[in-house]
Amino acid sequence: MGLLTAALVVGGGAGAVAAAPLILGVVGFTSAGIAAGSLAASMMSTAAVANGGAVAAGSAVAVLQAAGAAGLSTAATAAVASTGASAAATVAWLAALI
């Protein structure tokens, strides 16, 4: 692994961790709850209808709302960093092929 690839992987991981709370807020998963009229509200409505009127504990909507309200847990931070680093490594690998 070259120095540039290593820098991209580290940067991808750090960037993903920094961007995750911002993206959650933009989508509508905020610390004050789900924002009215947002994509998150649409997801919540769909999940509630599919589950007979309530959002199931542990569902994607519930997990994203918890992350939007309280921030990412240690495990979620590690998963987001790993995903960002993997994406950056894939981009670096594809760029090396060109």
PDB file of N, CA and C in Angstrom:
ATOM      1  N   MET A   1       0.852  -1.168   0.000  1.00  0.00           N
ATOM      2  CA  MET A   1       0.000   0.000   0.000  1.00  0.00           C
ATOM      3  C   MET A   1       0.898   1.230   0.000  1.00  0.00           C
ATOM      4  N   GLY A   2       0.639   2.113  -0.918  1.00  0.00           N
ATOM      5  CA  GLY A   2       1.414   3.333  -1.005  1.00  0.00           C
ATOM      6  C   GLY A   2       0.976   4.363   0.020  1.00  0.00           C
ATOM      7  N   LEU A   3       1.794   5.385   0.171  1.00  0.00           N
ATOM      8  CA  LEU A   3       1.501   6.447   1.131  1.00  0.00           C
ATOM      9  C   LEU A   3       0.205   7.179   0.775  1.00  0.00           C
ATOM     10  N   LEU A   4       0.001   7.433  -0.500  1.00  0.00           N
ATOM     11  CA  LEU A   4      -1.230   8.121  -0.922  1.00  0.00           C
ATOM     12  C   LEU A   4      -2.465   7.275  -0.615  1.00  0.00           C
ATOM     13  N   THR A   5      -2.368   5.975  -0.869  1.00  0.00           N
ATOM     14  CA  THR A   5      -3.497   5.079  -0.572  1.00  0.00           C
ATOM     15  C   THR A   5      -3.800   5.072   0.921  1.00  0.00           C
ATOM     16  N   ALA A   6      -2.746   4.991   1.737  1.00  0.00           N
ATOM     17  CA  ALA A   6      -2.937   5.001   3.192  1.00  0.00           C
ATOM     18  C   ALA A   6      -3.595   6.301   3.638  1.00  0.00           C
ATOM     19  N   ALA A   7      -3.158   7.419   3.067  1.00  0.00           N
ATOM     20  CA  ALA A   7      -3.750   8.712   3.424  1.00  0.00           C
ATOM     21  C   ALA A   7      -5.218   8.771   3.020  1.00  0.00           C
ATOM     22  N   LEU A   8      -5.534   8.229   1.846  1.00  0.00           N
ATOM     23  CA  LEU A   8      -6.936   8.210   1.401  1.00  0.00           C
ATOM     24  C   LEU A   8      -7.804   7.349   2.309  1.00  0.00           C
ATOM     25  N   VAL A   9      -7.271   6.207   2.730  1.00  0.00           N
ATOM     26  CA  VAL A   9      -8.046   5.310   3.595  1.00  0.00           C
ATOM     27  C   VAL A   9      -8.311   5.969   4.947  1.00  0.00           C
ATOM     28  N   VAL A  10      -7.275   6.562   5.542  1.00  0.00           N
ATOM     29  CA  VAL A  10      -7.442   7.249   6.828  1.00  0.00           C
ATOM     30  C   VAL A  10      -8.394   8.432   6.678  1.00  0.00           C
ATOM     31  N   GLY A  11      -8.206   9.203   5.620  1.00  0.00           N
ATOM     32  CA  GLY A  11      -9.087  10.347   5.369  1.00  0.00           C
ATOM     33  C   GLY A  11     -10.517   9.936   5.111  1.00  0.00           C
ATOM     34  N   GLY A  12     -10.704   8.827   4.402  1.00  0.00           N
ATOM     35  CA  GLY A  12     -12.058   8.331   4.136  1.00  0.00           C
ATOM     36  C   GLY A  12     -12.763   7.921   5.418  1.00  0.00           C
ATOM     37  N   GLY A  13     -12.043   7.253   6.294  1.00  0.00           N
ATOM     38  CA  GLY A  13     -12.627   6.846   7.572  1.00  0.00           C
ATOM     39  C   GLY A  13     -12.983   8.032   8.443  1.00  0.00           C
ATOM     40  N   ALA A  14     -12.045   8.968   8.551  1.00  0.00           N
ATOM     41  CA  ALA A  14     -12.288  10.162   9.374  1.00  0.00           C
ATOM     42  C   ALA A  14     -13.394  11.026   8.781  1.00  0.00           C
ATOM     43  N   GLY A  15     -13.392  11.151   7.466  1.00  0.00           N
ATOM     44  CA  GLY A  15     -14.424  11.956   6.806  1.00  0.00           C
ATOM     45  C   GLY A  15     -15.817  11.378   6.994  1.00  0.00           C
ATOM     46  N   ALA A  16     -15.910  10.060   6.929  1.00  0.00           N
ATOM     47  CA  ALA A  16     -17.217   9.417   7.117  1.00  0.00           C
ATOM     48  C   ALA A  16     -17.738   9.635   8.531  1.00  0.00           C
ATOM     49  N   VAL A  17     -16.844   9.534   9.521  1.00  0.00           N
ATOM     50  CA  VAL A  17     -17.257   9.748  10.916  1.00  0.00           C
ATOM     51  C   VAL A  17     -17.698  11.200  11.121  1.00  0.00           C
ATOM     52  N   ALA A  18     -16.995  12.139  10.513  1.00  0.00           N
ATOM     53  CA  ALA A  18     -17.352  13.553  10.654  1.00  0.00           C
ATOM     54  C   ALA A  18     -18.663  13.873   9.923  1.00  0.00           C
ATOM     55  N   ALA A  19     -18.889  13.217   8.792  1.00  0.00           N
ATOM     56  CA  ALA A  19     -20.066  13.527   7.978  1.00  0.00           C
ATOM     57  C   ALA A  19     -21.345  12.863   8.482  1.00  0.00           C
ATOM     58  N   ALA A  20     -21.228  11.745   9.175  1.00  0.00           N
ATOM     59  CA  ALA A  20     -22.423  10.984   9.574  1.00  0.00           C
ATOM     60  C   ALA A  20     -23.435  11.812  10.365  1.00  0.00           C
ATOM     61  N   PRO A  21     -23.036  12.537  11.420  1.00  0.00           N
ATOM     62  CA  PRO A  21     -24.038  13.342  12.145  1.00  0.00           C
ATOM     63  C   PRO A  21     -24.655  14.442  11.282  1.00  0.00           C
ATOM     64  N   LEU A  22     -23.857  15.025  10.400  1.00  0.00           N
ATOM     65  CA  LEU A  22     -24.387  16.067   9.516  1.00  0.00           C
ATOM     66  C   LEU A  22     -25.419  15.493   8.559  1.00  0.00           C
ATOM     67  N   ILE A  23     -25.119  14.348   8.005  1.00  0.00           N
ATOM     68  CA  ILE A  23     -26.042  13.714   7.061  1.00  0.00           C
ATOM     69  C   ILE A  23     -27.328  13.288   7.761  1.00  0.00           C
ATOM     70  N   LEU A  24     -27.203  12.755   8.977  1.00  0.00           N
ATOM     71  CA  LEU A  24     -28.406  12.392   9.732  1.00  0.00           C
ATOM     72  C   LEU A  24     -29.308  13.609   9.929  1.00  0.00           C
ATOM     73  N   GLY A  25     -28.719  14.742  10.265  1.00  0.00           N
ATOM     74  CA  GLY A  25     -29.497  15.970  10.460  1.00  0.00           C
ATOM     75  C   GLY A  25     -30.149  16.455   9.184  1.00  0.00           C
ATOM     76  N   VAL A  26     -29.425  16.400   8.080  1.00  0.00           N
ATOM     77  CA  VAL A  26     -29.964  16.854   6.792  1.00  0.00           C
ATOM     78  C   VAL A  26     -31.148  15.987   6.370  1.00  0.00           C
ATOM     79  N   VAL A  27     -31.060  14.697   6.635  1.00  0.00           N
ATOM     80  CA  VAL A  27     -32.131  13.771   6.263  1.00  0.00           C
ATOM     81  C   VAL A  27     -33.346  13.936   7.172  1.00  0.00           C
ATOM     82  N   GLY A  28     -33.127  14.477   8.386  1.00  0.00           N
ATOM     83  CA  GLY A  28     -34.251  14.741   9.282  1.00  0.00           C
ATOM     84  C   GLY A  28     -34.199  14.041  10.622  1.00  0.00           C
ATOM     85  N   PHE A  29     -33.130  13.293  10.896  1.00  0.00           N
ATOM     86  CA  PHE A  29     -32.963  12.650  12.201  1.00  0.00           C
ATOM     87  C   PHE A  29     -32.183  13.610  13.097  1.00  0.00           C
ATOM     88  N   THR A  30     -32.901  14.443  13.855  1.00  0.00           N
ATOM     89  CA  THR A  30     -32.260  15.494  14.647  1.00  0.00           C
ATOM     90  C   THR A  30     -32.302  15.162  16.136  1.00  0.00           C
ATOM     91  N   SER A  31     -31.567  15.943  16.907  1.00  0.00           N
ATOM     92  CA  SER A  31     -31.551  15.743  18.360  1.00  0.00           C
ATOM     93  C   SER A  31     -32.904  16.075  18.988  1.00  0.00           C
ATOM     94  N   ALA A  32     -33.723  16.856  18.301  1.00  0.00           N
ATOM     95  CA  ALA A  32     -35.047  17.209  18.810  1.00  0.00           C
ATOM     96  C   ALA A  32     -36.127  16.237  18.331  1.00  0.00           C
ATOM     97  N   GLY A  33     -35.752  15.254  17.554  1.00  0.00           N
ATOM     98  CA  GLY A  33     -36.713  14.295  17.012  1.00  0.00           C
ATOM     99  C   GLY A  33     -36.703  14.325  15.502  1.00  0.00           C
ATOM    100  N   ILE A  34     -37.630  13.638  14.912  1.00  0.00           N
ATOM    101  CA  ILE A  34     -37.710  13.583  13.450  1.00  0.00           C
ATOM    102  C   ILE A  34     -38.349  14.877  12.947  1.00  0.00           C
ATOM    103  N   ALA A  35     -37.682  15.513  11.996  1.00  0.00           N
ATOM    104  CA  ALA A  35     -38.147  16.793  11.452  1.00  0.00           C
ATOM    105  C   ALA A  35     -39.357  16.571  10.538  1.00  0.00           C
ATOM    106  N   ALA A  36     -40.380  17.384  10.740  1.00  0.00           N
ATOM    107  CA  ALA A  36     -41.599  17.293   9.930  1.00  0.00           C
ATOM    108  C   ALA A  36     -41.289  17.569   8.467  1.00  0.00           C
ATOM    109  N   GLY A  37     -41.879  16.793   7.589  1.00  0.00           N
ATOM    110  CA  GLY A  37     -41.727  17.002   6.151  1.00  0.00           C
ATOM    111  C   GLY A  37     -40.406  16.500   5.587  1.00  0.00           C
ATOM    112  N   SER A  38     -39.607  15.843   6.377  1.00  0.00           N
ATOM    113  CA  SER A  38     -38.288  15.383   5.929  1.00  0.00           C
ATOM    114  C   SER A  38     -38.358  13.961   5.391  1.00  0.00           C
ATOM    115  N   LEU A  39     -37.235  13.514   4.832  1.00  0.00           N
ATOM    116  CA  LEU A  39     -37.127  12.128   4.394  1.00  0.00           C
ATOM    117  C   LEU A  39     -37.295  11.196   5.590  1.00  0.00           C
ATOM    118  N   ALA A  40     -36.758  11.594   6.737  1.00  0.00           N
ATOM    119  CA  ALA A  40     -36.901  10.783   7.948  1.00  0.00           C
ATOM    120  C   ALA A  40     -38.375  10.626   8.326  1.00  0.00           C
ATOM    121  N   ALA A  41     -39.152  11.692   8.186  1.00  0.00           N
ATOM    122  CA  ALA A  41     -40.588  11.614   8.498  1.00  0.00           C
ATOM    123  C   ALA A  41     -41.298  10.653   7.548  1.00  0.00           C
ATOM    124  N   SER A  42     -40.913  10.688   6.289  1.00  0.00           N
ATOM    125  CA  SER A  42     -41.491   9.765   5.316  1.00  0.00           C
ATOM    126  C   SER A  42     -41.124   8.323   5.653  1.00  0.00           C
ATOM    127  N   MET A  43     -39.859   8.110   6.041  1.00  0.00           N
ATOM    128  CA  MET A  43     -39.425   6.766   6.433  1.00  0.00           C
ATOM    129  C   MET A  43     -40.183   6.286   7.668  1.00  0.00           C
ATOM    130  N   MET A  44     -40.383   7.188   8.618  1.00  0.00           N
ATOM    131  CA  MET A  44     -41.094   6.834   9.847  1.00  0.00           C
ATOM    132  C   MET A  44     -42.546   6.470   9.540  1.00  0.00           C
ATOM    133  N   SER A  45     -43.182   7.242   8.687  1.00  0.00           N
ATOM    134  CA  SER A  45     -44.569   6.977   8.319  1.00  0.00           C
ATOM    135  C   SER A  45     -44.696   5.617   7.643  1.00  0.00           C
ATOM    136  N   THR A  46     -43.821   5.340   6.718  1.00  0.00           N
ATOM    137  CA  THR A  46     -43.847   4.062   6.009  1.00  0.00           C
ATOM    138  C   THR A  46     -43.630   2.897   6.970  1.00  0.00           C
ATOM    139  N   ALA A  47     -42.658   3.059   7.875  1.00  0.00           N
ATOM    140  CA  ALA A  47     -42.375   1.998   8.849  1.00  0.00           C
ATOM    141  C   ALA A  47     -43.547   1.779   9.790  1.00  0.00           C
ATOM    142  N   ALA A  48     -44.192   2.858  10.200  1.00  0.00           N
ATOM    143  CA  ALA A  48     -45.329   2.737  11.113  1.00  0.00           C
ATOM    144  C   ALA A  48     -46.510   2.056  10.432  1.00  0.00           C
ATOM    145  N   VAL A  49     -46.792   2.418   9.199  1.00  0.00           N
ATOM    146  CA  VAL A  49     -47.894   1.798   8.461  1.00  0.00           C
ATOM    147  C   VAL A  49     -47.618   0.308   8.271  1.00  0.00           C
ATOM    148  N   ALA A  50     -46.369  -0.019   7.933  1.00  0.00           N
ATOM    149  CA  ALA A  50     -46.015  -1.421   7.707  1.00  0.00           C
ATOM    150  C   ALA A  50     -46.070  -2.249   8.982  1.00  0.00           C
ATOM    151  N   ASN A  51     -45.941  -1.576  10.136  1.00  0.00           N
ATOM    152  CA  ASN A  51     -45.899  -2.301  11.409  1.00  0.00           C
ATOM    153  C   ASN A  51     -47.186  -2.120  12.218  1.00  0.00           C
ATOM    154  N   GLY A  52     -48.248  -1.721  11.579  1.00  0.00           N
ATOM    155  CA  GLY A  52     -49.519  -1.603  12.272  1.00  0.00           C
ATOM    156  C   GLY A  52     -49.659  -0.366  13.141  1.00  0.00           C
ATOM    157  N   GLY A  53     -48.930   0.700  12.850  1.00  0.00           N
ATOM    158  CA  GLY A  53     -49.100   1.960  13.569  1.00  0.00           C
ATOM    159  C   GLY A  53     -47.954   2.370  14.464  1.00  0.00           C
ATOM    160  N   ALA A  54     -46.976   1.534  14.656  1.00  0.00           N
ATOM    161  CA  ALA A  54     -45.830   1.879  15.505  1.00  0.00           C
ATOM    162  C   ALA A  54     -44.532   1.526  14.784  1.00  0.00           C
ATOM    163  N   VAL A  55     -43.488   2.252  15.114  1.00  0.00           N
ATOM    164  CA  VAL A  55     -42.168   1.945  14.562  1.00  0.00           C
ATOM    165  C   VAL A  55     -41.540   0.875  15.445  1.00  0.00           C
ATOM    166  N   ALA A  56     -41.117  -0.212  14.837  1.00  0.00           N
ATOM    167  CA  ALA A  56     -40.552  -1.336  15.591  1.00  0.00           C
ATOM    168  C   ALA A  56     -39.200  -0.962  16.197  1.00  0.00           C
ATOM    169  N   ALA A  57     -39.000  -1.357  17.441  1.00  0.00           N
ATOM    170  CA  ALA A  57     -37.708  -1.163  18.090  1.00  0.00           C
ATOM    171  C   ALA A  57     -36.654  -1.948  17.318  1.00  0.00           C
ATOM    172  N   GLY A  58     -35.507  -1.316  17.102  1.00  0.00           N
ATOM    173  CA  GLY A  58     -34.424  -1.970  16.384  1.00  0.00           C
ATOM    174  C   GLY A  58     -34.507  -1.841  14.880  1.00  0.00           C
ATOM    175  N   SER A  59     -35.590  -1.227  14.372  1.00  0.00           N
ATOM    176  CA  SER A  59     -35.704  -1.035  12.923  1.00  0.00           C
ATOM    177  C   SER A  59     -34.732   0.044  12.468  1.00  0.00           C
ATOM    178  N   ALA A  60     -34.554   0.162  11.173  1.00  0.00           N
ATOM    179  CA  ALA A  60     -33.633   1.165  10.629  1.00  0.00           C
ATOM    180  C   ALA A  60     -34.025   2.569  11.083  1.00  0.00           C
ATOM    181  N   VAL A  61     -35.323   2.858  11.063  1.00  0.00           N
ATOM    182  CA  VAL A  61     -35.781   4.186  11.490  1.00  0.00           C
ATOM    183  C   VAL A  61     -35.448   4.425  12.962  1.00  0.00           C
ATOM    184  N   ALA A  62     -35.682   3.434  13.807  1.00  0.00           N
ATOM    185  CA  ALA A  62     -35.407   3.580  15.238  1.00  0.00           C
ATOM    186  C   ALA A  62     -33.919   3.764  15.501  1.00  0.00           C
ATOM    187  N   VAL A  63     -33.100   3.002  14.812  1.00  0.00           N
ATOM    188  CA  VAL A  63     -31.647   3.098  15.002  1.00  0.00           C
ATOM    189  C   VAL A  63     -31.128   4.454  14.519  1.00  0.00           C
ATOM    190  N   LEU A  64     -31.602   4.904  13.366  1.00  0.00           N
ATOM    191  CA  LEU A  64     -31.163   6.199  12.846  1.00  0.00           C
ATOM    192  C   LEU A  64     -31.631   7.348  13.736  1.00  0.00           C
ATOM    193  N   GLN A  65     -32.848   7.245  14.272  1.00  0.00           N
ATOM    194  CA  GLN A  65     -33.333   8.291  15.170  1.00  0.00           C
ATOM    195  C   GLN A  65     -32.506   8.331  16.442  1.00  0.00           C
ATOM    196  N   ALA A  66     -32.160   7.171  16.976  1.00  0.00           N
ATOM    197  CA  ALA A  66     -31.319   7.125  18.179  1.00  0.00           C
ATOM    198  C   ALA A  66     -29.959   7.761  17.899  1.00  0.00           C
ATOM    199  N   ALA A  67     -29.397   7.486  16.735  1.00  0.00           N
ATOM    200  CA  ALA A  67     -28.110   8.083  16.373  1.00  0.00           C
ATOM    201  C   ALA A  67     -28.248   9.592  16.176  1.00  0.00           C
ATOM    202  N   GLY A  68     -29.361  10.029  15.588  1.00  0.00           N
ATOM    203  CA  GLY A  68     -29.579  11.464  15.407  1.00  0.00           C
ATOM    204  C   GLY A  68     -29.780  12.183  16.721  1.00  0.00           C
ATOM    205  N   ALA A  69     -30.429  11.533  17.668  1.00  0.00           N
ATOM    206  CA  ALA A  69     -30.727  12.156  18.961  1.00  0.00           C
ATOM    207  C   ALA A  69     -29.531  12.143  19.897  1.00  0.00           C
ATOM    208  N   ALA A  70     -28.820  11.045  19.958  1.00  0.00           N
ATOM    209  CA  ALA A  70     -27.752  10.891  20.960  1.00  0.00           C
ATOM    210  C   ALA A  70     -26.361  10.838  20.364  1.00  0.00           C
ATOM    211  N   GLY A  71     -26.238  10.821  19.050  1.00  0.00           N
ATOM    212  CA  GLY A  71     -24.932  10.672  18.427  1.00  0.00           C
ATOM    213  C   GLY A  71     -24.634   9.200  18.196  1.00  0.00           C
ATOM    214  N   LEU A  72     -23.529   8.952  17.540  1.00  0.00           N
ATOM    215  CA  LEU A  72     -23.161   7.584  17.206  1.00  0.00           C
ATOM    216  C   LEU A  72     -22.520   6.888  18.400  1.00  0.00           C
ATOM    217  N   SER A  73     -22.890   5.646  18.616  1.00  0.00           N
ATOM    218  CA  SER A  73     -22.246   4.841  19.655  1.00  0.00           C
ATOM    219  C   SER A  73     -20.835   4.482  19.198  1.00  0.00           C
ATOM    220  N   THR A  74     -20.062   3.916  20.084  1.00  0.00           N
ATOM    221  CA  THR A  74     -18.706   3.498  19.731  1.00  0.00           C
ATOM    222  C   THR A  74     -18.734   2.480  18.599  1.00  0.00           C
ATOM    223  N   ALA A  75     -19.640   1.525  18.691  1.00  0.00           N
ATOM    224  CA  ALA A  75     -19.745   0.503  17.642  1.00  0.00           C
ATOM    225  C   ALA A  75     -20.167   1.120  16.317  1.00  0.00           C
ATOM    226  N   ALA A  76     -21.120   2.049  16.360  1.00  0.00           N
ATOM    227  CA  ALA A  76     -21.565   2.697  15.124  1.00  0.00           C
ATOM    228  C   ALA A  76     -20.459   3.559  14.534  1.00  0.00           C
ATOM    229  N   THR A  77     -19.704   4.241  15.390  1.00  0.00           N
ATOM    230  CA  THR A  77     -18.576   5.051  14.906  1.00  0.00           C
ATOM    231  C   THR A  77     -17.555   4.162  14.210  1.00  0.00           C
ATOM    232  N   ALA A  78     -17.264   3.012  14.799  1.00  0.00           N
ATOM    233  CA  ALA A  78     -16.321   2.075  14.188  1.00  0.00           C
ATOM    234  C   ALA A  78     -16.844   1.560  12.849  1.00  0.00           C
ATOM    235  N   ALA A  79     -18.142   1.269  12.786  1.00  0.00           N
ATOM    236  CA  ALA A  79     -18.725   0.773  11.537  1.00  0.00           C
ATOM    237  C   ALA A  79     -18.690   1.839  10.447  1.00  0.00           C
ATOM    238  N   VAL A  80     -19.009   3.076  10.807  1.00  0.00           N
ATOM    239  CA  VAL A  80     -18.990   4.170   9.833  1.00  0.00           C
ATOM    240  C   VAL A  80     -17.556   4.427   9.361  1.00  0.00           C
ATOM    241  N   ALA A  81     -16.598   4.419  10.280  1.00  0.00           N
ATOM    242  CA  ALA A  81     -15.193   4.633   9.912  1.00  0.00           C
ATOM    243  C   ALA A  81     -14.704   3.518   8.996  1.00  0.00           C
ATOM    244  N   SER A  82     -15.077   2.300   9.301  1.00  0.00           N
ATOM    245  CA  SER A  82     -14.670   1.161   8.480  1.00  0.00           C
ATOM    246  C   SER A  82     -15.266   1.248   7.074  1.00  0.00           C
ATOM    247  N   THR A  83     -16.523   1.626   7.005  1.00  0.00           N
ATOM    248  CA  THR A  83     -17.180   1.770   5.705  1.00  0.00           C
ATOM    249  C   THR A  83     -16.541   2.888   4.885  1.00  0.00           C
ATOM    250  N   GLY A  84     -16.272   4.027   5.533  1.00  0.00           N
ATOM    251  CA  GLY A  84     -15.623   5.138   4.836  1.00  0.00           C
ATOM    252  C   GLY A  84     -14.229   4.778   4.357  1.00  0.00           C
ATOM    253  N   ALA A  85     -13.477   4.085   5.192  1.00  0.00           N
ATOM    254  CA  ALA A  85     -12.131   3.664   4.809  1.00  0.00           C
ATOM    255  C   ALA A  85     -12.178   2.659   3.666  1.00  0.00           C
ATOM    256  N   SER A  86     -13.137   1.746   3.713  1.00  0.00           N
ATOM    257  CA  SER A  86     -13.282   0.757   2.637  1.00  0.00           C
ATOM    258  C   SER A  86     -13.644   1.430   1.319  1.00  0.00           C
ATOM    259  N   ALA A  87     -14.537   2.394   1.391  1.00  0.00           N
ATOM    260  CA  ALA A  87     -14.922   3.125   0.177  1.00  0.00           C
ATOM    261  C   ALA A  87     -13.730   3.876  -0.399  1.00  0.00           C
ATOM    262  N   ALA A  88     -12.943   4.506   0.463  1.00  0.00           N
ATOM    263  CA  ALA A  88     -11.766   5.239   0.001  1.00  0.00           C
ATOM    264  C   ALA A  88     -10.729   4.289  -0.583  1.00  0.00           C
ATOM    265  N   ALA A  89     -10.553   3.129   0.023  1.00  0.00           N
ATOM    266  CA  ALA A  89      -9.605   2.143  -0.506  1.00  0.00           C
ATOM    267  C   ALA A  89     -10.048   1.642  -1.874  1.00  0.00           C
ATOM    268  N   THR A  90     -11.354   1.465  -2.046  1.00  0.00           N
ATOM    269  CA  THR A  90     -11.886   1.030  -3.345  1.00  0.00           C
ATOM    270  C   THR A  90     -11.648   2.085  -4.409  1.00  0.00           C
ATOM    271  N   VAL A  91     -11.883   3.336  -4.064  1.00  0.00           N
ATOM    272  CA  VAL A  91     -11.626   4.429  -4.998  1.00  0.00           C
ATOM    273  C   VAL A  91     -10.151   4.490  -5.373  1.00  0.00           C
ATOM    274  N   ALA A  92      -9.263   4.351  -4.379  1.00  0.00           N
ATOM    275  CA  ALA A  92      -7.822   4.372  -4.649  1.00  0.00           C
ATOM    276  C   ALA A  92      -7.426   3.213  -5.544  1.00  0.00           C
ATOM    277  N   TRP A  93      -8.002   2.026  -5.302  1.00  0.00           N
ATOM    278  CA  TRP A  93      -7.701   0.859  -6.114  1.00  0.00           C
ATOM    279  C   TRP A  93      -8.171   1.075  -7.558  1.00  0.00           C
ATOM    280  N   LEU A  94      -9.387   1.598  -7.716  1.00  0.00           N
ATOM    281  CA  LEU A  94      -9.905   1.860  -9.063  1.00  0.00           C
ATOM    282  C   LEU A  94      -9.071   2.919  -9.786  1.00  0.00           C
ATOM    283  N   ALA A  95      -8.648   3.952  -9.037  1.00  0.00           N
ATOM    284  CA  ALA A  95      -7.815   5.000  -9.643  1.00  0.00           C
ATOM    285  C   ALA A  95      -6.476   4.435 -10.103  1.00  0.00           C
ATOM    286  N   ALA A  96      -5.945   3.461  -9.386  1.00  0.00           N
ATOM    287  CA  ALA A  96      -4.664   2.856  -9.771  1.00  0.00           C
ATOM    288  C   ALA A  96      -4.795   2.037 -11.049  1.00  0.00           C
ATOM    289  N   LEU A  97      -5.990   1.568 -11.347  1.00  0.00           N
ATOM    290  CA  LEU A  97      -6.206   0.787 -12.565  1.00  0.00           C
ATOM    291  C   LEU A  97      -6.244   1.650 -13.817  1.00  0.00           C
ATOM    292  N   ILE A  98      -6.535   2.916 -13.622  1.00  0.00           N
ATOM    293  CA  ILE A  98      -6.701   3.826 -14.766  1.00  0.00           C
ATOM    294  C   ILE A  98      -5.363   4.313 -15.260  1.00  0.00           C
TER     295      ILE A  98
END
